[in-house]
Each structure stands twice: as C-alpha cells, then as structure tokens.
C-alpha cells in the first residue's frame, strides 16, 4: 500500500466512525438526557447548599413565626427535593417521548408552570407555597409544626434602599 492509499482508508474509516457515533447520539438522545440530568443535579446541589446555610427559601420563609433551624426546615427541604425528583421522572418518561411515527398527529405538550419560589425572597410574606399548602399536599395537619399556632407570626421589615 502506498502512503496515499493508507491516508484514504484512514480518512474513510474515521469518517465512518464519526458518522456512526453521531447516529447513536441522535438515536438515544444522549445530549438532551445529559443536559437534563446535569441541570437537575445542579438544582439539587443548590437546594442542598441553601438548606445547609439556612438561606433562600430555608431562611424562615415557610415558618415566619419561628427562627429557622435545620430541624424545622427539614420537611420543606425534603419536599423540594422530592418535587425536583418527581419533575425529573415526569419529564424523563412523559416529555421525552416522541409522537408515533406511523402518521399519528403530534400531541402538543403544554408548558409546565414553574411554581418554584425565588431563591432569595425579599419579602417572606409574598405569595407562594406556604406551610399549610405543603402540609395539605402531604396529607398532614399544619398545627404540629408551627408551635400549635400559639405564636403569632413575627413582624419582618425589609429595608429598601432608595
């Protein structure tokens, strides 16, 4: 074999391998799945750091009548992690499916509403999921966690620079 012939075959085999790899990536949607899983992993890490530092939504947003501690914010942390995981499962098994290629019409998937509270709320009394709502979803009574409702919510003042 001459050098020119060897270069031809190396180029041809390399091209074939690149095309095959690209076809497999497209077939199994590995790029979309990687981005999806990586985004969820980073979201869970962010929630973990917020909980560890008692910042953001774990800084007393859900329990305005109590000082935030890891003990009284744990249920909200678990709720948010479970919410992220369930959304991951929902998206992985329902949103990544392609419509039937045999002529069935494409089903329009409505966009999901993002009901996640902002990371650092300026006003803890703003609208959003509250303790009662979270506990109702979990099927529990809200009174045991908020000191039996004995203490009124503390006043929170937020300085505003003008």
Protein backbone atom coordinates (compact mmCIF):
# COMPACT_ATOMS: atom_id res chain seq x y z
CA UNK A 1 0.00 0.00 0.00
CA UNK A 2 1.20 3.44 -0.80
CA UNK A 3 1.05 6.33 1.67
CA UNK A 4 -1.72 7.97 -0.35
CA UNK A 5 -3.80 4.77 -0.23
CA UNK A 6 -3.29 4.47 3.55
CA UNK A 7 -4.40 8.06 4.13
CA UNK A 8 -7.52 7.41 2.05
CA UNK A 9 -8.53 4.37 4.13
CA UNK A 10 -7.75 6.03 7.48
CA UNK A 11 -9.85 9.02 6.46
CA UNK A 12 -12.69 6.81 5.25
CA UNK A 13 -12.73 4.70 8.47
CA UNK A 14 -12.56 7.83 10.66
CA UNK A 15 -15.47 9.33 8.77
CA UNK A 16 -17.46 6.12 9.18
CA UNK A 17 -16.77 6.04 12.94
CA UNK A 18 -17.78 9.69 13.40
CA UNK A 19 -20.99 9.14 11.44
CA UNK A 20 -21.83 6.02 13.48
CA UNK A 21 -21.19 7.79 16.81
CA UNK A 22 -23.29 10.77 15.73
CA UNK A 23 -26.11 8.45 14.70
CA UNK A 24 -26.06 6.69 18.09
CA UNK A 25 -26.06 10.03 19.95
CA UNK A 26 -29.04 11.17 17.92
CA UNK A 27 -30.89 7.86 18.25
CA UNK A 28 -30.60 7.66 22.03
CA UNK A 29 -30.81 11.46 22.59
CA UNK A 30 -27.78 11.30 24.85
CA UNK A 31 -27.07 15.01 24.52
CA UNK A 32 -30.56 16.02 25.71
CA UNK A 33 -30.54 13.50 28.53
CA UNK A 34 -27.11 14.67 29.70
CA UNK A 35 -28.19 18.31 29.79
CA UNK A 36 -31.45 17.38 31.54
CA UNK A 37 -29.76 15.24 34.21
CA UNK A 38 -26.94 17.73 34.72
CA UNK A 39 -29.42 20.59 35.22
CA UNK A 40 -31.39 18.56 37.78
CA UNK A 41 -28.19 17.59 39.60
CA UNK A 42 -27.17 21.24 39.88
CA UNK A 43 -30.65 22.19 41.10
CA UNK A 44 -30.48 19.55 43.85
CA UNK A 45 -26.99 20.72 44.85
CA UNK A 46 -28.27 24.30 45.02
CA UNK A 47 -31.15 23.22 47.27
CA UNK A 48 -28.70 21.34 49.49
CA UNK A 49 -26.45 24.37 49.90
CA UNK A 50 -29.43 26.62 50.66
CA UNK A 51 -30.61 24.17 53.31
CA UNK A 52 -27.11 23.74 54.78
CA UNK A 53 -26.72 27.51 55.08
CA UNK A 54 -30.35 28.18 56.05
CA UNK A 55 -30.55 30.72 53.26
CA UNK A 56 -33.01 31.47 50.48
CA UNK A 57 -36.29 29.65 50.96
CA UNK A 58 -34.93 27.97 54.13
CA UNK A 59 -34.23 31.25 55.92
CA UNK A 60 -37.64 31.22 57.61
CA UNK A 61 -39.80 31.86 54.55
CA UNK A 62 -42.13 28.96 55.32
CA UNK A 63 -42.17 29.48 59.11
CA UNK A 64 -42.45 33.23 59.69
CA UNK A 65 -43.26 32.74 63.41
CA UNK A 66 -40.09 30.77 64.17
CA UNK A 67 -36.37 31.20 63.85
CA UNK A 68 -35.12 28.92 61.07
CA UNK A 69 -33.30 25.79 62.17
CA UNK A 70 -32.37 22.68 60.27
CA UNK A 71 -34.95 20.75 62.27
CA UNK A 72 -37.92 22.93 61.35
CA UNK A 73 -36.80 23.45 57.73
CA UNK A 74 -36.12 19.76 57.04
CA UNK A 75 -39.67 18.96 55.90
CA UNK A 76 -39.52 21.78 53.35
CA UNK A 77 -36.12 20.64 52.12
CA UNK A 78 -37.37 17.08 51.65
CA UNK A 79 -40.48 18.41 49.92
CA UNK A 80 -38.42 20.43 47.43
CA UNK A 81 -36.03 17.55 46.69
CA UNK A 82 -39.00 15.24 46.13
CA UNK A 83 -40.61 17.84 43.88
CA UNK A 84 -37.43 18.09 41.79
CA UNK A 85 -37.14 14.28 41.55
CA UNK A 86 -40.81 13.85 40.57
CA UNK A 87 -40.47 16.54 37.91
CA UNK A 88 -37.37 14.69 36.65
CA UNK A 89 -39.30 11.43 36.42
CA UNK A 90 -42.24 13.16 34.74
CA UNK A 91 -40.03 14.85 32.17
CA UNK A 92 -37.94 11.76 31.51
CA UNK A 93 -40.84 9.40 30.87
CA UNK A 94 -43.51 11.69 29.51
CA UNK A 95 -41.89 14.67 27.85
CA UNK A 96 -39.02 12.94 26.07
CA UNK A 97 -41.27 10.53 24.21
CA UNK A 98 -41.66 11.22 20.53
CA UNK A 99 -45.07 11.06 18.85
CA UNK A 100 -45.91 7.89 16.97
CA UNK A 101 -44.20 7.97 13.58
CA UNK A 102 -46.95 5.93 11.83
CA UNK A 103 -48.98 9.02 10.99
CA UNK A 104 -50.46 9.80 14.39
CA UNK A 105 -50.77 13.52 14.97
CA UNK A 106 -48.16 15.13 17.18
CA UNK A 107 -49.51 15.77 20.65
CA UNK A 108 -48.92 19.31 21.85
CA UNK A 109 -47.47 19.23 25.38
CA UNK A 110 -48.48 22.28 27.40
CA UNK A 111 -45.56 24.10 29.01
CA UNK A 112 -45.06 23.35 32.67
CA UNK A 113 -45.60 26.21 35.07
CA UNK A 114 -42.65 26.94 37.28
CA UNK A 115 -44.06 27.23 40.80
CA UNK A 116 -40.67 27.34 42.47
CA UNK A 117 -40.17 30.19 44.92
CA UNK A 118 -37.39 32.65 44.08
CA UNK A 119 -34.07 31.72 45.67
CA UNK A 120 -33.85 34.77 47.93
CA UNK A 121 -37.28 36.25 48.52
CA UNK A 122 -37.14 39.88 49.64
CA UNK A 123 -40.46 39.72 51.42
CA UNK A 124 -41.20 36.49 53.30
CA UNK A 125 -44.91 37.34 53.24
CA UNK A 126 -45.13 37.35 49.44
CA UNK A 127 -47.37 34.91 47.64
CA UNK A 128 -46.18 31.39 47.05
CA UNK A 129 -46.48 27.96 48.62
CA UNK A 130 -46.90 28.19 52.37
CA UNK A 131 -46.62 25.73 55.22
CA UNK A 132 -50.35 24.91 55.17
CA UNK A 133 -50.31 24.25 51.42
CA UNK A 134 -47.27 21.99 51.64
CA UNK A 135 -48.67 20.05 54.56
CA UNK A 136 -52.08 19.71 52.89
CA UNK A 137 -50.33 18.20 49.85
CA UNK A 138 -48.57 15.79 52.19
CA UNK A 139 -51.87 14.98 53.93
CA UNK A 140 -50.73 16.29 57.32
CA UNK A 141 -52.16 18.82 59.73
CA UNK A 142 -50.29 22.14 59.81
CA UNK A 143 -50.66 22.70 63.57
CA UNK A 144 -47.95 20.37 64.97
CA UNK A 145 -45.08 22.03 63.09
CA UNK A 146 -45.87 25.68 63.74
CA UNK A 147 -45.88 25.51 67.54
CA UNK A 148 -49.59 24.67 67.56
CA UNK A 149 -50.34 28.08 66.13
CA UNK A 150 -49.70 29.58 69.58
CA UNK A 151 -47.20 32.21 68.49
CA UNK A 152 -48.28 34.91 66.06
CA UNK A 153 -46.04 35.40 63.02
CA UNK A 154 -43.15 37.75 63.72
CA UNK A 155 -43.01 41.10 62.03
CA UNK A 156 -40.46 41.28 59.28
CA UNK A 157 -39.17 44.57 57.99
CA UNK A 158 -37.12 44.70 54.84
CA UNK A 159 -35.01 47.83 54.40
CA UNK A 160 -35.36 49.32 50.96
CA UNK A 161 -32.56 51.49 49.60
CA UNK A 162 -33.96 54.40 47.66
